[in-house]
Amino acid sequence: MPVAQTRFRIPDPDYVEGALELEVNGVPILSLADWDYIDQLWSYLINVMEEYSESGIASTRLPDQPTKLTLLKRGDNYLLVRVDSGEKSRSSAVEEGEFFGALCESGDLFFRSMARMVPEAEEYYVSERERLRRLRDARR
């Protein structure tokens, strides 16, 4: 169920399970099979985008899986998004602005929805939205 459509409270706010579907130019990078602690995953993605913005390379593992997500600079305005899961690897190149814009917009929606569903963690979700806003503004 898309997070914006949920209308219930999260039973255990320390362990929010869910999945992020990330497709880059038709290549499924993350899918429903990559089910994990979704709020932590979004925070990890923000960390990766911040690190990439500074160095042109960044990676993270999913919170509770060995799956590894990597961003690598390719050319002037492109990046390679790669996921390694066991012996499987998937990757696709995308324009940096398009990638960052889509993730910042989706992440903002996610954290706004989470603040509604887990009001006791609203401060954390607001701070993550602020990190996304800074990333978006830095790319303009």
N, C-alpha and C. Protein backbone atom coordinates (compact mmCIF):
# COMPACT_ATOMS: atom_id res chain seq x y z
N MET A 1 0.85 -1.17 0.00
CA MET A 1 0.00 0.00 0.00
C MET A 1 0.90 1.24 0.00
N PRO A 2 0.70 2.16 -0.90
CA PRO A 2 1.49 3.40 -0.90
C PRO A 2 1.31 4.15 0.43
N VAL A 3 2.41 4.69 0.93
CA VAL A 3 2.40 5.32 2.24
C VAL A 3 1.38 6.45 2.34
N ALA A 4 1.18 7.19 1.29
CA ALA A 4 0.23 8.31 1.32
C ALA A 4 -1.21 7.83 1.49
N GLN A 5 -1.49 6.55 1.20
CA GLN A 5 -2.84 6.02 1.32
C GLN A 5 -3.11 5.34 2.65
N THR A 6 -2.10 5.20 3.48
CA THR A 6 -2.30 4.53 4.76
C THR A 6 -3.05 5.42 5.72
N ARG A 7 -3.92 4.81 6.49
CA ARG A 7 -4.75 5.56 7.43
C ARG A 7 -4.75 4.89 8.81
N PHE A 8 -3.65 4.28 9.20
CA PHE A 8 -3.58 3.61 10.49
C PHE A 8 -2.30 4.04 11.21
N ARG A 9 -2.27 3.78 12.49
CA ARG A 9 -1.07 4.06 13.27
C ARG A 9 -0.13 2.88 13.17
N ILE A 10 1.14 3.17 13.20
CA ILE A 10 2.16 2.12 13.16
C ILE A 10 2.22 1.44 14.54
N PRO A 11 2.09 0.10 14.58
CA PRO A 11 2.06 -0.58 15.87
C PRO A 11 3.36 -0.43 16.69
N ASP A 12 4.51 -0.52 16.03
CA ASP A 12 5.79 -0.39 16.73
C ASP A 12 6.65 0.61 15.97
N PRO A 13 6.69 1.87 16.40
CA PRO A 13 7.41 2.90 15.66
C PRO A 13 8.92 2.68 15.58
N ASP A 14 9.46 1.75 16.38
CA ASP A 14 10.89 1.45 16.30
C ASP A 14 11.21 0.51 15.13
N TYR A 15 10.20 -0.19 14.63
CA TYR A 15 10.39 -1.16 13.55
C TYR A 15 9.28 -0.98 12.52
N VAL A 16 9.45 -0.02 11.64
CA VAL A 16 8.46 0.28 10.61
C VAL A 16 8.85 -0.49 9.35
N GLU A 17 8.10 -1.55 9.08
CA GLU A 17 8.41 -2.39 7.94
C GLU A 17 7.72 -1.88 6.68
N GLY A 18 8.40 -2.03 5.56
CA GLY A 18 7.83 -1.63 4.29
C GLY A 18 8.85 -1.82 3.18
N ALA A 19 8.49 -1.39 2.00
CA ALA A 19 9.37 -1.56 0.84
C ALA A 19 9.37 -0.28 0.02
N LEU A 20 10.46 -0.05 -0.63
CA LEU A 20 10.63 1.08 -1.53
C LEU A 20 10.88 0.50 -2.92
N GLU A 21 10.02 0.86 -3.86
CA GLU A 21 10.23 0.43 -5.23
C GLU A 21 10.98 1.54 -5.95
N LEU A 22 12.18 1.23 -6.40
CA LEU A 22 13.02 2.19 -7.11
C LEU A 22 13.37 1.61 -8.48
N GLU A 23 12.86 2.27 -9.51
CA GLU A 23 13.12 1.85 -10.88
C GLU A 23 13.86 2.98 -11.58
N VAL A 24 14.96 2.64 -12.24
CA VAL A 24 15.76 3.64 -12.95
C VAL A 24 15.83 3.24 -14.42
N ASN A 25 15.21 4.05 -15.27
CA ASN A 25 15.17 3.79 -16.72
C ASN A 25 14.72 2.37 -17.03
N GLY A 26 13.66 1.94 -16.35
CA GLY A 26 13.09 0.62 -16.60
C GLY A 26 13.77 -0.53 -15.88
N VAL A 27 14.84 -0.26 -15.15
CA VAL A 27 15.55 -1.31 -14.42
C VAL A 27 15.10 -1.27 -12.95
N PRO A 28 14.53 -2.37 -12.46
CA PRO A 28 14.10 -2.40 -11.05
C PRO A 28 15.32 -2.50 -10.13
N ILE A 29 15.66 -1.40 -9.48
CA ILE A 29 16.81 -1.37 -8.58
C ILE A 29 16.42 -1.94 -7.22
N LEU A 30 15.33 -1.44 -6.65
CA LEU A 30 14.76 -1.98 -5.41
C LEU A 30 13.31 -2.35 -5.69
N SER A 31 12.85 -3.43 -5.09
CA SER A 31 11.48 -3.89 -5.34
C SER A 31 10.82 -4.29 -4.02
N LEU A 32 9.60 -4.78 -4.12
CA LEU A 32 8.89 -5.25 -2.93
C LEU A 32 9.64 -6.39 -2.24
N ALA A 33 10.46 -7.12 -3.00
CA ALA A 33 11.26 -8.20 -2.42
C ALA A 33 12.32 -7.67 -1.46
N ASP A 34 12.63 -6.38 -1.55
CA ASP A 34 13.64 -5.77 -0.69
C ASP A 34 13.00 -5.17 0.56
N TRP A 35 11.98 -5.80 1.06
CA TRP A 35 11.23 -5.40 2.25
C TRP A 35 12.20 -5.21 3.41
N ASP A 36 12.04 -4.12 4.16
CA ASP A 36 12.98 -3.83 5.24
C ASP A 36 12.36 -2.80 6.19
N TYR A 37 13.17 -2.23 7.07
CA TYR A 37 12.72 -1.14 7.94
C TYR A 37 12.74 0.13 7.11
N ILE A 38 11.59 0.54 6.65
CA ILE A 38 11.47 1.54 5.59
C ILE A 38 11.88 2.94 6.02
N ASP A 39 11.57 3.36 7.23
CA ASP A 39 11.99 4.70 7.64
C ASP A 39 13.51 4.76 7.77
N GLN A 40 14.12 3.67 8.24
CA GLN A 40 15.58 3.63 8.31
C GLN A 40 16.18 3.64 6.90
N LEU A 41 15.57 2.89 5.99
CA LEU A 41 16.06 2.85 4.61
C LEU A 41 16.04 4.24 3.99
N TRP A 42 14.95 4.98 4.20
CA TRP A 42 14.89 6.34 3.65
C TRP A 42 16.00 7.21 4.24
N SER A 43 16.27 7.07 5.52
CA SER A 43 17.36 7.85 6.13
C SER A 43 18.71 7.44 5.54
N TYR A 44 18.90 6.15 5.30
CA TYR A 44 20.14 5.68 4.67
C TYR A 44 20.28 6.27 3.26
N LEU A 45 19.16 6.35 2.53
CA LEU A 45 19.21 6.94 1.19
C LEU A 45 19.61 8.41 1.24
N ILE A 46 19.11 9.13 2.22
CA ILE A 46 19.51 10.54 2.37
C ILE A 46 21.02 10.61 2.64
N ASN A 47 21.52 9.74 3.52
CA ASN A 47 22.96 9.70 3.79
C ASN A 47 23.76 9.47 2.52
N VAL A 48 23.30 8.52 1.70
CA VAL A 48 24.00 8.18 0.44
C VAL A 48 23.97 9.38 -0.51
N MET A 49 22.84 10.05 -0.61
CA MET A 49 22.76 11.21 -1.52
C MET A 49 23.67 12.34 -1.02
N GLU A 50 23.73 12.54 0.29
CA GLU A 50 24.62 13.58 0.83
C GLU A 50 26.08 13.23 0.55
N GLU A 51 26.45 11.99 0.80
CA GLU A 51 27.84 11.56 0.57
C GLU A 51 28.19 11.65 -0.92
N TYR A 52 27.28 11.21 -1.78
CA TYR A 52 27.51 11.30 -3.22
C TYR A 52 27.71 12.75 -3.65
N SER A 53 26.92 13.65 -3.10
CA SER A 53 27.03 15.07 -3.46
C SER A 53 28.41 15.62 -3.12
N GLU A 54 29.04 15.09 -2.10
CA GLU A 54 30.36 15.55 -1.69
C GLU A 54 31.50 14.88 -2.45
N SER A 55 31.34 13.58 -2.77
CA SER A 55 32.49 12.85 -3.30
C SER A 55 32.28 12.19 -4.66
N GLY A 56 31.03 12.09 -5.12
CA GLY A 56 30.78 11.43 -6.40
C GLY A 56 30.69 9.92 -6.31
N ILE A 57 30.76 9.39 -5.10
CA ILE A 57 30.60 7.94 -4.88
C ILE A 57 30.06 7.74 -3.47
N ALA A 58 29.14 6.82 -3.33
CA ALA A 58 28.58 6.52 -2.01
C ALA A 58 27.86 5.18 -2.06
N SER A 59 27.81 4.51 -0.91
CA SER A 59 27.07 3.26 -0.85
C SER A 59 26.54 3.03 0.55
N THR A 60 25.56 2.15 0.63
CA THR A 60 24.97 1.75 1.90
C THR A 60 24.38 0.36 1.74
N ARG A 61 24.22 -0.28 2.85
CA ARG A 61 23.48 -1.55 2.86
C ARG A 61 22.08 -1.26 3.37
N LEU A 62 21.12 -2.07 2.98
CA LEU A 62 19.78 -1.92 3.52
C LEU A 62 19.84 -2.22 5.02
N PRO A 63 18.93 -1.64 5.80
CA PRO A 63 19.02 -1.75 7.25
C PRO A 63 19.14 -3.16 7.82
N ASP A 64 18.39 -4.11 7.28
CA ASP A 64 18.38 -5.45 7.87
C ASP A 64 18.66 -6.54 6.83
N GLN A 65 19.41 -6.17 5.78
CA GLN A 65 19.74 -7.11 4.70
C GLN A 65 21.16 -6.85 4.22
N PRO A 66 21.76 -7.82 3.56
CA PRO A 66 23.09 -7.59 3.00
C PRO A 66 23.08 -6.84 1.67
N THR A 67 21.89 -6.52 1.16
CA THR A 67 21.77 -5.80 -0.12
C THR A 67 22.51 -4.47 -0.04
N LYS A 68 23.33 -4.19 -1.05
CA LYS A 68 24.13 -2.96 -1.09
C LYS A 68 23.69 -2.08 -2.25
N LEU A 69 23.47 -0.80 -1.96
CA LEU A 69 23.11 0.20 -2.96
C LEU A 69 24.28 1.16 -3.12
N THR A 70 24.68 1.40 -4.36
CA THR A 70 25.83 2.26 -4.64
C THR A 70 25.47 3.32 -5.69
N LEU A 71 25.95 4.53 -5.49
CA LEU A 71 25.84 5.61 -6.47
C LEU A 71 27.25 5.96 -6.92
N LEU A 72 27.47 6.02 -8.25
CA LEU A 72 28.77 6.35 -8.82
C LEU A 72 28.62 7.43 -9.88
N LYS A 73 29.43 8.45 -9.82
CA LYS A 73 29.39 9.52 -10.82
C LYS A 73 29.83 8.97 -12.17
N ARG A 74 29.08 9.34 -13.21
CA ARG A 74 29.39 8.93 -14.58
C ARG A 74 29.23 10.14 -15.47
N GLY A 75 30.32 10.73 -15.88
CA GLY A 75 30.25 11.90 -16.74
C GLY A 75 29.87 13.14 -15.97
N ASP A 76 29.53 14.19 -16.70
CA ASP A 76 29.24 15.48 -16.07
C ASP A 76 27.97 15.49 -15.22
N ASN A 77 26.89 14.96 -15.72
CA ASN A 77 25.61 15.08 -15.02
C ASN A 77 24.90 13.75 -14.81
N TYR A 78 25.62 12.66 -14.91
CA TYR A 78 24.99 11.35 -14.78
C TYR A 78 25.58 10.57 -13.62
N LEU A 79 24.76 9.66 -13.10
CA LEU A 79 25.24 8.76 -12.07
C LEU A 79 24.76 7.36 -12.38
N LEU A 80 25.51 6.39 -11.89
CA LEU A 80 25.14 4.99 -12.02
C LEU A 80 24.55 4.56 -10.69
N VAL A 81 23.36 3.99 -10.72
CA VAL A 81 22.71 3.45 -9.54
C VAL A 81 22.86 1.94 -9.65
N ARG A 82 23.44 1.34 -8.62
CA ARG A 82 23.70 -0.10 -8.67
C ARG A 82 23.25 -0.74 -7.36
N VAL A 83 22.66 -1.92 -7.46
CA VAL A 83 22.31 -2.69 -6.27
C VAL A 83 22.90 -4.09 -6.43
N ASP A 84 23.53 -4.54 -5.36
CA ASP A 84 24.09 -5.89 -5.33
C ASP A 84 23.39 -6.66 -4.22
N SER A 85 22.79 -7.78 -4.60
CA SER A 85 22.06 -8.61 -3.65
C SER A 85 22.44 -10.06 -3.90
N GLY A 86 23.25 -10.59 -3.01
CA GLY A 86 23.75 -11.95 -3.23
C GLY A 86 24.60 -11.97 -4.48
N GLU A 87 24.29 -12.87 -5.38
CA GLU A 87 25.04 -12.95 -6.63
C GLU A 87 24.41 -12.12 -7.74
N LYS A 88 23.30 -11.46 -7.44
CA LYS A 88 22.61 -10.64 -8.44
C LYS A 88 23.06 -9.19 -8.33
N SER A 89 23.14 -8.57 -9.48
CA SER A 89 23.49 -7.14 -9.55
C SER A 89 22.61 -6.50 -10.61
N ARG A 90 22.11 -5.30 -10.29
CA ARG A 90 21.31 -4.54 -11.25
C ARG A 90 21.82 -3.12 -11.23
N SER A 91 21.84 -2.47 -12.40
CA SER A 91 22.30 -1.09 -12.43
C SER A 91 21.72 -0.36 -13.64
N SER A 92 21.72 0.97 -13.52
CA SER A 92 21.26 1.82 -14.61
C SER A 92 21.81 3.22 -14.39
N ALA A 93 22.08 3.91 -15.48
CA ALA A 93 22.55 5.29 -15.41
C ALA A 93 21.36 6.23 -15.54
N VAL A 94 21.47 7.38 -14.86
CA VAL A 94 20.39 8.35 -14.86
C VAL A 94 20.98 9.74 -14.67
N GLU A 95 20.29 10.74 -15.15
CA GLU A 95 20.70 12.12 -14.96
C GLU A 95 20.58 12.46 -13.48
N GLU A 96 21.61 13.08 -12.91
CA GLU A 96 21.66 13.35 -11.48
C GLU A 96 20.44 14.15 -10.99
N GLY A 97 20.11 15.21 -11.70
CA GLY A 97 19.00 16.05 -11.27
C GLY A 97 17.68 15.30 -11.24
N GLU A 98 17.46 14.45 -12.23
CA GLU A 98 16.23 13.66 -12.28
C GLU A 98 16.18 12.69 -11.10
N PHE A 99 17.30 12.02 -10.83
CA PHE A 99 17.36 11.05 -9.73
C PHE A 99 17.14 11.72 -8.38
N PHE A 100 17.90 12.79 -8.12
CA PHE A 100 17.78 13.48 -6.85
C PHE A 100 16.40 14.11 -6.69
N GLY A 101 15.88 14.70 -7.76
CA GLY A 101 14.56 15.31 -7.69
C GLY A 101 13.48 14.30 -7.33
N ALA A 102 13.51 13.15 -7.98
CA ALA A 102 12.50 12.12 -7.72
C ALA A 102 12.61 11.58 -6.29
N LEU A 103 13.84 11.32 -5.84
CA LEU A 103 13.99 10.79 -4.48
C LEU A 103 13.65 11.83 -3.42
N CYS A 104 14.02 13.07 -3.65
CA CYS A 104 13.69 14.12 -2.67
C CYS A 104 12.18 14.32 -2.58
N GLU A 105 11.50 14.31 -3.70
CA GLU A 105 10.05 14.47 -3.69
C GLU A 105 9.37 13.28 -3.02
N SER A 106 9.78 12.07 -3.37
CA SER A 106 9.18 10.87 -2.78
C SER A 106 9.50 10.76 -1.30
N GLY A 107 10.73 11.09 -0.93
CA GLY A 107 11.11 11.05 0.48
C GLY A 107 10.33 12.04 1.31
N ASP A 108 10.11 13.23 0.76
CA ASP A 108 9.32 14.23 1.46
C ASP A 108 7.90 13.72 1.72
N LEU A 109 7.29 13.13 0.71
CA LEU A 109 5.96 12.55 0.86
C LEU A 109 5.97 11.45 1.92
N PHE A 110 6.98 10.60 1.89
CA PHE A 110 7.08 9.51 2.85
C PHE A 110 7.15 10.06 4.28
N PHE A 111 8.06 11.01 4.53
CA PHE A 111 8.23 11.52 5.89
C PHE A 111 7.03 12.34 6.36
N ARG A 112 6.35 13.04 5.46
CA ARG A 112 5.11 13.73 5.85
C ARG A 112 4.05 12.72 6.29
N SER A 113 3.94 11.64 5.53
CA SER A 113 2.96 10.60 5.86
C SER A 113 3.32 9.92 7.19
N MET A 114 4.59 9.67 7.39
CA MET A 114 5.02 9.02 8.63
C MET A 114 4.75 9.91 9.84
N ALA A 115 4.94 11.20 9.71
CA ALA A 115 4.68 12.12 10.82
C ALA A 115 3.21 12.04 11.23
N ARG A 116 2.34 11.81 10.26
CA ARG A 116 0.92 11.67 10.55
C ARG A 116 0.63 10.34 11.26
N MET A 117 1.31 9.28 10.83
CA MET A 117 1.05 7.95 11.38
C MET A 117 1.78 7.68 12.70
N VAL A 118 2.89 8.37 12.92
CA VAL A 118 3.69 8.17 14.13
C VAL A 118 3.97 9.55 14.73
N PRO A 119 2.96 10.18 15.31
CA PRO A 119 3.13 11.55 15.79
C PRO A 119 4.22 11.69 16.86
N GLU A 120 4.49 10.63 17.62
CA GLU A 120 5.54 10.73 18.64
C GLU A 120 6.94 10.83 18.04
N ALA A 121 7.08 10.53 16.76
CA ALA A 121 8.38 10.63 16.08
C ALA A 121 8.39 11.79 15.08
N GLU A 122 7.43 12.69 15.18
CA GLU A 122 7.30 13.78 14.21
C GLU A 122 8.57 14.62 14.10
N GLU A 123 9.24 14.90 15.20
CA GLU A 123 10.45 15.72 15.16
C GLU A 123 11.52 15.08 14.28
N TYR A 124 11.70 13.79 14.40
CA TYR A 124 12.66 13.07 13.57
C TYR A 124 12.29 13.18 12.09
N TYR A 125 11.01 12.95 11.79
CA TYR A 125 10.57 13.00 10.41
C TYR A 125 10.70 14.40 9.82
N VAL A 126 10.46 15.41 10.62
CA VAL A 126 10.64 16.79 10.16
C VAL A 126 12.11 17.05 9.87
N SER A 127 13.01 16.54 10.71
CA SER A 127 14.45 16.75 10.46
C SER A 127 14.91 16.04 9.19
N GLU A 128 14.34 14.88 8.89
CA GLU A 128 14.70 14.19 7.65
C GLU A 128 14.17 14.94 6.43
N ARG A 129 12.98 15.51 6.55
CA ARG A 129 12.46 16.34 5.46
C ARG A 129 13.36 17.55 5.23
N GLU A 130 13.91 18.12 6.28
CA GLU A 130 14.81 19.25 6.16
C GLU A 130 16.10 18.84 5.45
N ARG A 131 16.61 17.67 5.75
CA ARG A 131 17.80 17.16 5.03
C ARG A 131 17.51 17.03 3.54
N LEU A 132 16.32 16.53 3.21
CA LEU A 132 15.93 16.41 1.80
C LEU A 132 15.81 17.78 1.14
N ARG A 133 15.25 18.74 1.84
CA ARG A 133 15.13 20.09 1.30
C ARG A 133 16.50 20.68 1.00
N ARG A 134 17.45 20.49 1.91
CA ARG A 134 18.81 21.00 1.68
C ARG A 134 19.46 20.33 0.46
N LEU A 135 19.25 19.03 0.31
CA LEU A 135 19.78 18.33 -0.87
C LEU A 135 19.17 18.88 -2.15
N ARG A 136 17.85 19.05 -2.15
CA ARG A 136 17.15 19.57 -3.33
C ARG A 136 17.65 20.98 -3.66
N ASP A 137 17.76 21.84 -2.65
CA ASP A 137 18.20 23.21 -2.87
C ASP A 137 19.64 23.27 -3.38
N ALA A 138 20.50 22.38 -2.90
CA ALA A 138 21.90 22.37 -3.32
C ALA A 138 22.03 21.94 -4.77
N ARG A 139 21.08 21.21 -5.30
CA ARG A 139 21.15 20.72 -6.68
C ARG A 139 20.57 21.72 -7.67
N ARG A 140 19.97 22.79 -7.19
CA ARG A 140 19.36 23.78 -8.10
C ARG A 140 20.39 24.73 -8.62
